[in-house]
Amino acid sequence: MNKRRSDDILAAHAEGLLSRTRPMQQINAGDEERGELAPLFALAEQLYQSMPPVQPSAAFVHSLGKELAGSAKHQIATARRMRRGVLIGAATVGSLVSIASLVGAVVYIVSRLRARLHAHAH
């Protein structure tokens, strides 16, 4: 039996336990498959009996919801700050490049003017 098939059968068994139906009768599996998985079925049933599922309290659910919402807000705010920092950094670099280009153009023009004046003087 392949892993996918055994996972599906075990999931169906677990769902049967949780819905309090008769899990073994709900599973569409052959005798050979049931035999292979019998130890896991037994283990799941023992765990279910000794550790039944519980529902969290409303206070816990509310607290967890607030905590998760706060964490999400914090992550969004951090991402916005980083994005803003990147944009400011890009604008600064762009401004510096523009200033450097302007300075380069002024230096070029001044050097050309000096070269012409020097050429006319001789």
N, C-alpha and C. Protein backbone atom coordinates (compact mmCIF):
# COMPACT_ATOMS: atom_id res chain seq x y z
N MET A 1 0.86 -1.17 0.00
CA MET A 1 0.00 0.00 0.00
C MET A 1 0.91 1.24 0.00
N ASN A 2 0.53 2.22 -0.81
CA ASN A 2 1.38 3.41 -0.87
C ASN A 2 1.07 4.36 0.29
N LYS A 3 1.97 5.29 0.50
CA LYS A 3 1.87 6.21 1.64
C LYS A 3 0.61 7.06 1.55
N ARG A 4 0.28 7.52 0.39
CA ARG A 4 -0.91 8.38 0.20
C ARG A 4 -2.17 7.62 0.63
N ARG A 5 -2.26 6.38 0.20
CA ARG A 5 -3.43 5.56 0.53
C ARG A 5 -3.51 5.32 2.03
N SER A 6 -2.38 4.98 2.65
CA SER A 6 -2.40 4.73 4.10
C SER A 6 -2.73 6.01 4.86
N ASP A 7 -2.23 7.17 4.38
CA ASP A 7 -2.56 8.46 5.02
C ASP A 7 -4.06 8.72 4.93
N ASP A 8 -4.64 8.44 3.78
CA ASP A 8 -6.09 8.67 3.60
C ASP A 8 -6.90 7.77 4.54
N ILE A 9 -6.50 6.52 4.65
CA ILE A 9 -7.23 5.58 5.51
C ILE A 9 -7.10 6.01 6.98
N LEU A 10 -5.88 6.37 7.39
CA LEU A 10 -5.68 6.81 8.78
C LEU A 10 -6.43 8.10 9.07
N ALA A 11 -6.49 9.01 8.11
CA ALA A 11 -7.24 10.26 8.29
C ALA A 11 -8.73 9.96 8.45
N ALA A 12 -9.24 9.04 7.64
CA ALA A 12 -10.65 8.66 7.75
C ALA A 12 -10.93 8.04 9.12
N HIS A 13 -10.02 7.24 9.61
CA HIS A 13 -10.17 6.63 10.93
C HIS A 13 -10.19 7.71 12.01
N ALA A 14 -9.27 8.66 11.93
CA ALA A 14 -9.21 9.74 12.92
C ALA A 14 -10.49 10.58 12.88
N GLU A 15 -10.98 10.87 11.69
CA GLU A 15 -12.23 11.63 11.57
C GLU A 15 -13.39 10.87 12.18
N GLY A 16 -13.40 9.55 12.00
CA GLY A 16 -14.44 8.73 12.60
C GLY A 16 -14.38 8.77 14.12
N LEU A 17 -13.17 8.76 14.67
CA LEU A 17 -13.03 8.86 16.13
C LEU A 17 -13.55 10.21 16.62
N LEU A 18 -13.19 11.26 15.94
CA LEU A 18 -13.58 12.60 16.38
C LEU A 18 -15.07 12.86 16.23
N SER A 19 -15.68 12.25 15.22
CA SER A 19 -17.12 12.46 15.03
C SER A 19 -17.94 11.46 15.84
N ARG A 20 -17.23 10.61 16.58
CA ARG A 20 -17.86 9.62 17.48
C ARG A 20 -18.73 8.61 16.72
N THR A 21 -18.36 8.36 15.49
CA THR A 21 -19.04 7.29 14.75
C THR A 21 -18.20 6.04 14.90
N ARG A 22 -18.59 5.02 14.25
CA ARG A 22 -17.79 3.78 14.31
C ARG A 22 -16.75 3.86 13.19
N PRO A 23 -15.52 4.27 13.51
CA PRO A 23 -14.52 4.55 12.48
C PRO A 23 -14.18 3.38 11.57
N MET A 24 -14.10 2.20 12.12
CA MET A 24 -13.68 1.07 11.29
C MET A 24 -14.73 0.72 10.23
N GLN A 25 -16.00 0.98 10.51
CA GLN A 25 -17.04 0.68 9.53
C GLN A 25 -17.14 1.76 8.46
N GLN A 26 -16.63 2.94 8.74
CA GLN A 26 -16.69 4.05 7.80
C GLN A 26 -15.56 3.99 6.76
N ILE A 27 -14.54 3.23 7.04
CA ILE A 27 -13.35 3.22 6.18
C ILE A 27 -13.52 2.26 5.02
N ASN A 28 -13.23 2.78 3.84
CA ASN A 28 -13.29 1.97 2.62
C ASN A 28 -11.91 1.38 2.37
N ALA A 29 -11.64 0.26 3.03
CA ALA A 29 -10.34 -0.39 2.90
C ALA A 29 -10.53 -1.89 2.89
N GLY A 30 -9.62 -2.56 2.21
CA GLY A 30 -9.67 -4.01 2.15
C GLY A 30 -9.11 -4.63 3.42
N ASP A 31 -9.30 -5.94 3.55
CA ASP A 31 -8.83 -6.65 4.74
C ASP A 31 -7.32 -6.55 4.89
N GLU A 32 -6.60 -6.62 3.77
CA GLU A 32 -5.14 -6.54 3.82
C GLU A 32 -4.69 -5.16 4.32
N GLU A 33 -5.34 -4.11 3.81
CA GLU A 33 -5.00 -2.75 4.25
C GLU A 33 -5.33 -2.56 5.73
N ARG A 34 -6.48 -3.05 6.13
CA ARG A 34 -6.87 -2.95 7.54
C ARG A 34 -5.87 -3.70 8.43
N GLY A 35 -5.42 -4.86 7.96
CA GLY A 35 -4.46 -5.65 8.72
C GLY A 35 -3.13 -4.91 8.89
N GLU A 36 -2.67 -4.30 7.81
CA GLU A 36 -1.41 -3.54 7.87
C GLU A 36 -1.50 -2.37 8.85
N LEU A 37 -2.66 -1.72 8.86
CA LEU A 37 -2.81 -0.51 9.66
C LEU A 37 -3.43 -0.76 11.03
N ALA A 38 -3.76 -2.00 11.34
CA ALA A 38 -4.42 -2.32 12.61
C ALA A 38 -3.67 -1.79 13.83
N PRO A 39 -2.33 -1.95 13.90
CA PRO A 39 -1.63 -1.41 15.08
C PRO A 39 -1.81 0.11 15.21
N LEU A 40 -1.82 0.81 14.09
CA LEU A 40 -1.99 2.26 14.15
C LEU A 40 -3.42 2.64 14.53
N PHE A 41 -4.40 1.85 14.06
CA PHE A 41 -5.79 2.08 14.47
C PHE A 41 -5.91 1.91 15.98
N ALA A 42 -5.31 0.84 16.50
CA ALA A 42 -5.39 0.56 17.94
C ALA A 42 -4.73 1.67 18.74
N LEU A 43 -3.58 2.13 18.28
CA LEU A 43 -2.88 3.21 18.97
C LEU A 43 -3.72 4.48 18.97
N ALA A 44 -4.31 4.81 17.83
CA ALA A 44 -5.15 6.01 17.73
C ALA A 44 -6.33 5.91 18.68
N GLU A 45 -6.93 4.75 18.78
CA GLU A 45 -8.09 4.57 19.66
C GLU A 45 -7.68 4.68 21.13
N GLN A 46 -6.50 4.12 21.48
CA GLN A 46 -6.02 4.23 22.85
C GLN A 46 -5.72 5.69 23.20
N LEU A 47 -5.09 6.41 22.29
CA LEU A 47 -4.81 7.83 22.52
C LEU A 47 -6.10 8.62 22.68
N TYR A 48 -7.06 8.33 21.85
CA TYR A 48 -8.34 9.04 21.91
C TYR A 48 -9.03 8.81 23.25
N GLN A 49 -8.96 7.57 23.75
CA GLN A 49 -9.61 7.26 25.03
C GLN A 49 -8.88 7.91 26.20
N SER A 50 -7.55 7.95 26.14
CA SER A 50 -6.80 8.50 27.27
C SER A 50 -6.62 10.02 27.17
N MET A 51 -6.74 10.56 25.98
CA MET A 51 -6.57 12.01 25.79
C MET A 51 -7.68 12.53 24.89
N PRO A 52 -8.89 12.61 25.39
CA PRO A 52 -9.99 13.08 24.53
C PRO A 52 -9.78 14.54 24.13
N PRO A 53 -10.29 14.92 22.97
CA PRO A 53 -10.13 16.30 22.53
C PRO A 53 -10.88 17.26 23.47
N VAL A 54 -10.32 18.43 23.65
CA VAL A 54 -10.95 19.45 24.49
C VAL A 54 -11.11 20.73 23.69
N GLN A 55 -12.08 21.52 24.07
CA GLN A 55 -12.30 22.81 23.42
C GLN A 55 -11.62 23.89 24.25
N PRO A 56 -10.92 24.81 23.63
CA PRO A 56 -10.30 25.90 24.40
C PRO A 56 -11.39 26.82 24.95
N SER A 57 -11.06 27.48 26.05
CA SER A 57 -12.03 28.39 26.64
C SER A 57 -12.20 29.62 25.74
N ALA A 58 -13.33 30.29 25.89
CA ALA A 58 -13.60 31.49 25.09
C ALA A 58 -12.56 32.57 25.39
N ALA A 59 -12.14 32.65 26.66
CA ALA A 59 -11.13 33.65 27.03
C ALA A 59 -9.80 33.39 26.30
N PHE A 60 -9.42 32.11 26.21
CA PHE A 60 -8.18 31.77 25.51
C PHE A 60 -8.29 32.11 24.03
N VAL A 61 -9.41 31.76 23.42
CA VAL A 61 -9.61 32.05 21.99
C VAL A 61 -9.56 33.56 21.75
N HIS A 62 -10.21 34.32 22.62
CA HIS A 62 -10.22 35.79 22.49
C HIS A 62 -8.80 36.34 22.65
N SER A 63 -8.10 35.87 23.68
CA SER A 63 -6.73 36.33 23.94
C SER A 63 -5.80 36.00 22.77
N LEU A 64 -5.91 34.79 22.27
CA LEU A 64 -5.08 34.38 21.14
C LEU A 64 -5.38 35.22 19.91
N GLY A 65 -6.67 35.49 19.67
CA GLY A 65 -7.05 36.33 18.53
C GLY A 65 -6.45 37.72 18.63
N LYS A 66 -6.52 38.32 19.83
CA LYS A 66 -5.94 39.66 20.03
C LYS A 66 -4.43 39.63 19.82
N GLU A 67 -3.79 38.59 20.34
CA GLU A 67 -2.33 38.47 20.21
C GLU A 67 -1.92 38.32 18.74
N LEU A 68 -2.64 37.50 18.00
CA LEU A 68 -2.33 37.30 16.58
C LEU A 68 -2.58 38.57 15.77
N ALA A 69 -3.67 39.28 16.08
CA ALA A 69 -3.97 40.53 15.39
C ALA A 69 -2.89 41.57 15.69
N GLY A 70 -2.46 41.65 16.94
CA GLY A 70 -1.39 42.59 17.31
C GLY A 70 -0.09 42.26 16.60
N SER A 71 0.22 40.98 16.53
CA SER A 71 1.44 40.55 15.83
C SER A 71 1.38 40.89 14.35
N ALA A 72 0.22 40.70 13.75
CA ALA A 72 0.05 41.03 12.33
C ALA A 72 0.21 42.54 12.10
N LYS A 73 -0.38 43.35 12.97
CA LYS A 73 -0.24 44.81 12.85
C LYS A 73 1.23 45.21 12.96
N HIS A 74 1.93 44.59 13.91
CA HIS A 74 3.36 44.90 14.10
C HIS A 74 4.16 44.55 12.84
N GLN A 75 3.89 43.39 12.26
CA GLN A 75 4.60 42.98 11.05
C GLN A 75 4.30 43.92 9.89
N ILE A 76 3.05 44.36 9.76
CA ILE A 76 2.67 45.28 8.69
C ILE A 76 3.38 46.61 8.89
N ALA A 77 3.41 47.12 10.14
CA ALA A 77 4.08 48.39 10.42
C ALA A 77 5.57 48.29 10.13
N THR A 78 6.18 47.18 10.49
CA THR A 78 7.61 46.99 10.22
C THR A 78 7.88 46.96 8.72
N ALA A 79 7.03 46.28 7.97
CA ALA A 79 7.20 46.22 6.52
C ALA A 79 7.05 47.60 5.90
N ARG A 80 6.10 48.39 6.40
CA ARG A 80 5.91 49.75 5.87
C ARG A 80 7.13 50.61 6.16
N ARG A 81 7.66 50.51 7.38
CA ARG A 81 8.86 51.30 7.73
C ARG A 81 10.03 50.91 6.83
N MET A 82 10.18 49.61 6.60
CA MET A 82 11.29 49.18 5.74
C MET A 82 11.09 49.68 4.32
N ARG A 83 9.87 49.60 3.82
CA ARG A 83 9.57 50.08 2.47
C ARG A 83 9.86 51.57 2.37
N ARG A 84 9.42 52.32 3.39
CA ARG A 84 9.66 53.76 3.41
C ARG A 84 11.16 54.04 3.43
N GLY A 85 11.91 53.29 4.24
CA GLY A 85 13.37 53.46 4.31
C GLY A 85 14.03 53.18 2.97
N VAL A 86 13.55 52.15 2.29
CA VAL A 86 14.12 51.81 0.98
C VAL A 86 13.83 52.93 -0.02
N LEU A 87 12.60 53.45 0.01
CA LEU A 87 12.24 54.54 -0.91
C LEU A 87 13.06 55.79 -0.62
N ILE A 88 13.23 56.13 0.65
CA ILE A 88 14.04 57.30 1.00
C ILE A 88 15.48 57.08 0.58
N GLY A 89 15.99 55.87 0.80
CA GLY A 89 17.37 55.56 0.39
C GLY A 89 17.53 55.67 -1.12
N ALA A 90 16.55 55.16 -1.86
CA ALA A 90 16.62 55.24 -3.32
C ALA A 90 16.56 56.69 -3.78
N ALA A 91 15.69 57.48 -3.14
CA ALA A 91 15.60 58.90 -3.51
C ALA A 91 16.90 59.63 -3.20
N THR A 92 17.52 59.29 -2.07
CA THR A 92 18.78 59.92 -1.69
C THR A 92 19.87 59.56 -2.69
N VAL A 93 19.94 58.29 -3.05
CA VAL A 93 20.94 57.87 -4.03
C VAL A 93 20.68 58.57 -5.36
N GLY A 94 19.42 58.66 -5.76
CA GLY A 94 19.08 59.35 -7.00
C GLY A 94 19.48 60.81 -6.95
N SER A 95 19.25 61.46 -5.82
CA SER A 95 19.63 62.87 -5.66
C SER A 95 21.15 63.02 -5.72
N LEU A 96 21.86 62.12 -5.06
CA LEU A 96 23.32 62.20 -5.08
C LEU A 96 23.87 62.00 -6.49
N VAL A 97 23.27 61.09 -7.23
CA VAL A 97 23.70 60.86 -8.61
C VAL A 97 23.42 62.11 -9.45
N SER A 98 22.26 62.73 -9.23
CA SER A 98 21.92 63.95 -9.97
C SER A 98 22.90 65.07 -9.63
N ILE A 99 23.21 65.22 -8.35
CA ILE A 99 24.16 66.25 -7.93
C ILE A 99 25.54 65.97 -8.52
N ALA A 100 25.95 64.72 -8.47
CA ALA A 100 27.26 64.35 -9.04
C ALA A 100 27.28 64.63 -10.54
N SER A 101 26.18 64.36 -11.22
CA SER A 101 26.12 64.65 -12.66
C SER A 101 26.20 66.14 -12.91
N LEU A 102 25.49 66.92 -12.10
CA LEU A 102 25.52 68.37 -12.24
C LEU A 102 26.92 68.92 -11.98
N VAL A 103 27.56 68.44 -10.92
CA VAL A 103 28.94 68.87 -10.61
C VAL A 103 29.86 68.47 -11.75
N GLY A 104 29.69 67.28 -12.27
CA GLY A 104 30.52 66.83 -13.39
C GLY A 104 30.33 67.71 -14.61
N ALA A 105 29.09 68.10 -14.89
CA ALA A 105 28.81 68.97 -16.04
C ALA A 105 29.45 70.34 -15.82
N VAL A 106 29.34 70.89 -14.60
CA VAL A 106 29.95 72.20 -14.31
C VAL A 106 31.46 72.12 -14.45
N VAL A 107 32.08 71.09 -13.93
CA VAL A 107 33.54 70.92 -14.03
C VAL A 107 33.94 70.81 -15.50
N TYR A 108 33.17 70.08 -16.28
CA TYR A 108 33.47 69.94 -17.72
C TYR A 108 33.38 71.30 -18.42
N ILE A 109 32.33 72.06 -18.15
CA ILE A 109 32.16 73.36 -18.81
C ILE A 109 33.26 74.32 -18.39
N VAL A 110 33.57 74.36 -17.10
CA VAL A 110 34.62 75.26 -16.62
C VAL A 110 35.96 74.87 -17.23
N SER A 111 36.27 73.59 -17.31
CA SER A 111 37.55 73.16 -17.88
C SER A 111 37.61 73.50 -19.36
N ARG A 112 36.50 73.40 -20.08
CA ARG A 112 36.46 73.76 -21.50
C ARG A 112 36.67 75.26 -21.68
N LEU A 113 36.03 76.05 -20.80
CA LEU A 113 36.20 77.51 -20.88
C LEU A 113 37.64 77.89 -20.59
N ARG A 114 38.24 77.28 -19.59
CA ARG A 114 39.65 77.57 -19.26
C ARG A 114 40.56 77.17 -20.42
N ALA A 115 40.24 76.01 -21.03
CA ALA A 115 41.07 75.57 -22.16
C ALA A 115 40.97 76.56 -23.31
N ARG A 116 39.78 77.10 -23.59
CA ARG A 116 39.62 78.09 -24.67
C ARG A 116 40.34 79.39 -24.33
N LEU A 117 40.17 79.82 -23.06
CA LEU A 117 40.85 81.05 -22.68
C LEU A 117 42.37 80.89 -22.75
N HIS A 118 42.84 79.76 -22.36
CA HIS A 118 44.29 79.48 -22.39
C HIS A 118 44.76 79.42 -23.85
N ALA A 119 43.93 78.85 -24.74
CA ALA A 119 44.29 78.74 -26.15
C ALA A 119 44.30 80.14 -26.80
N HIS A 120 43.39 81.01 -26.46
CA HIS A 120 43.32 82.36 -27.03
C HIS A 120 44.43 83.24 -26.48
N ALA A 121 44.88 82.97 -25.27
CA ALA A 121 45.94 83.78 -24.64
C ALA A 121 47.29 83.47 -25.30
N HIS A 122 47.50 82.36 -25.85
CA HIS A 122 48.80 82.02 -26.46
C HIS A 122 48.77 82.24 -27.90
